[in-house]
Amino acid sequence: MTGFDWQALMRAGLRASVAGGLGLTPDQFWRLTPAELSLMLGRDSFQAPMGRGRLAELLAAYPDKEKGE
């Protein structure tokens, strides 16, 4: 798992809206969930978790062992 770039997120959230930020107060910023902040920043295209079908496709395409082993 990668960490959050808190400095960039704080700049985007706390910077005045006329300067390209959201113009949130510190209290508003810290009350947001990461999902809410992401949505407000226009990053709402989350991918669904991988399902069994996709896992099976990947296992077939990239087996741990060579055929015949």
C-alpha atoms as a PDB file:
ATOM      1  CA  MET A   1       0.000   0.000   0.000  1.00  0.00           C
ATOM      2  CA  THR A   2       1.274   3.450  -0.819  1.00  0.00           C
ATOM      3  CA  GLY A   3       0.966   6.402   1.510  1.00  0.00           C
ATOM      4  CA  PHE A   4      -1.010   9.552   0.981  1.00  0.00           C
ATOM      5  CA  ASP A   5       0.691  12.694  -0.298  1.00  0.00           C
ATOM      6  CA  TRP A   6      -0.658  14.762   2.593  1.00  0.00           C
ATOM      7  CA  GLN A   7       1.078  17.965   1.526  1.00  0.00           C
ATOM      8  CA  ALA A   8      -0.536  17.883  -1.917  1.00  0.00           C
ATOM      9  CA  LEU A   9      -3.919  16.939  -0.459  1.00  0.00           C
ATOM     10  CA  MET A  10      -3.748  19.740   2.113  1.00  0.00           C
ATOM     11  CA  ARG A  11      -2.740  22.268  -0.551  1.00  0.00           C
ATOM     12  CA  ALA A  12      -5.658  21.172  -2.747  1.00  0.00           C
ATOM     13  CA  GLY A  13      -8.145  21.204   0.124  1.00  0.00           C
ATOM     14  CA  LEU A  14      -7.081  24.313   2.010  1.00  0.00           C
ATOM     15  CA  ARG A  15      -6.011  26.556  -0.876  1.00  0.00           C
ATOM     16  CA  ALA A  16      -8.564  29.207  -1.764  1.00  0.00           C
ATOM     17  CA  SER A  17     -10.940  28.221  -4.535  1.00  0.00           C
ATOM     18  CA  VAL A  18      -9.823  31.195  -6.651  1.00  0.00           C
ATOM     19  CA  ALA A  19      -6.311  29.682  -6.558  1.00  0.00           C
ATOM     20  CA  GLY A  20      -7.487  26.261  -7.728  1.00  0.00           C
ATOM     21  CA  GLY A  21      -8.167  24.682  -4.340  1.00  0.00           C
ATOM     22  CA  LEU A  22     -11.348  23.689  -2.571  1.00  0.00           C
ATOM     23  CA  GLY A  23     -11.231  26.547  -0.066  1.00  0.00           C
ATOM     24  CA  LEU A  24     -11.981  24.349   2.928  1.00  0.00           C
ATOM     25  CA  THR A  25     -11.303  25.397   6.495  1.00  0.00           C
ATOM     26  CA  PRO A  26      -8.881  23.152   8.405  1.00  0.00           C
ATOM     27  CA  ASP A  27     -11.812  21.743  10.398  1.00  0.00           C
ATOM     28  CA  GLN A  28     -13.744  20.903   7.211  1.00  0.00           C
ATOM     29  CA  PHE A  29     -10.659  19.330   5.636  1.00  0.00           C
ATOM     30  CA  TRP A  30      -9.886  17.026   8.569  1.00  0.00           C
ATOM     31  CA  ARG A  31     -13.508  15.902   8.923  1.00  0.00           C
ATOM     32  CA  LEU A  32     -13.560  14.547   5.358  1.00  0.00           C
ATOM     33  CA  THR A  33     -12.984  10.881   4.662  1.00  0.00           C
ATOM     34  CA  PRO A  34     -10.365  10.027   2.005  1.00  0.00           C
ATOM     35  CA  ALA A  35     -13.221   8.942  -0.300  1.00  0.00           C
ATOM     36  CA  GLU A  36     -15.014  12.288   0.123  1.00  0.00           C
ATOM     37  CA  LEU A  37     -11.837  14.268  -0.498  1.00  0.00           C
ATOM     38  CA  SER A  38     -11.064  12.183  -3.574  1.00  0.00           C
ATOM     39  CA  LEU A  39     -14.556  12.783  -4.941  1.00  0.00           C
ATOM     40  CA  MET A  40     -14.305  16.529  -4.308  1.00  0.00           C
ATOM     41  CA  LEU A  41     -10.969  16.634  -6.133  1.00  0.00           C
ATOM     42  CA  GLY A  42     -12.540  14.930  -9.151  1.00  0.00           C
ATOM     43  CA  ARG A  43     -10.915  11.566  -8.637  1.00  0.00           C
ATOM     44  CA  ASP A  44     -14.116   9.566  -8.496  1.00  0.00           C
ATOM     45  CA  SER A  45     -13.178   6.816 -10.944  1.00  0.00           C
ATOM     46  CA  PHE A  46     -12.442   4.071  -8.443  1.00  0.00           C
ATOM     47  CA  GLN A  47     -11.907   0.560  -9.746  1.00  0.00           C
ATOM     48  CA  ALA A  48     -13.908  -2.304  -8.323  1.00  0.00           C
ATOM     49  CA  PRO A  49     -11.946  -5.014  -6.517  1.00  0.00           C
ATOM     50  CA  MET A  50     -10.749  -7.917  -8.628  1.00  0.00           C
ATOM     51  CA  GLY A  51     -13.230 -10.767  -8.820  1.00  0.00           C
ATOM     52  CA  ARG A  52     -12.690 -14.532  -9.078  1.00  0.00           C
ATOM     53  CA  GLY A  53     -13.022 -14.510 -12.845  1.00  0.00           C
ATOM     54  CA  ARG A  54     -10.236 -11.989 -13.349  1.00  0.00           C
ATOM     55  CA  LEU A  55      -8.016 -13.819 -10.849  1.00  0.00           C
ATOM     56  CA  ALA A  56      -8.544 -17.058 -12.770  1.00  0.00           C
ATOM     57  CA  GLU A  57      -7.590 -15.273 -16.018  1.00  0.00           C
ATOM     58  CA  LEU A  58      -4.386 -13.950 -14.475  1.00  0.00           C
ATOM     59  CA  LEU A  59      -3.472 -17.336 -12.972  1.00  0.00           C
ATOM     60  CA  ALA A  60      -3.963 -18.980 -16.365  1.00  0.00           C
ATOM     61  CA  ALA A  61      -1.912 -16.319 -18.139  1.00  0.00           C
ATOM     62  CA  TYR A  62       0.890 -16.211 -15.550  1.00  0.00           C
ATOM     63  CA  PRO A  63       1.177 -19.604 -13.850  1.00  0.00           C
ATOM     64  CA  ASP A  64       3.630 -20.053 -10.985  1.00  0.00           C
ATOM     65  CA  LYS A  65       5.070 -23.173 -12.612  1.00  0.00           C
ATOM     66  CA  GLU A  66       5.881 -24.044 -16.183  1.00  0.00           C
ATOM     67  CA  LYS A  67       3.632 -26.581 -17.858  1.00  0.00           C
ATOM     68  CA  GLY A  68       4.822 -30.131 -17.181  1.00  0.00           C
ATOM     69  CA  GLU A  69       6.402 -29.368 -13.821  1.00  0.00           C
END
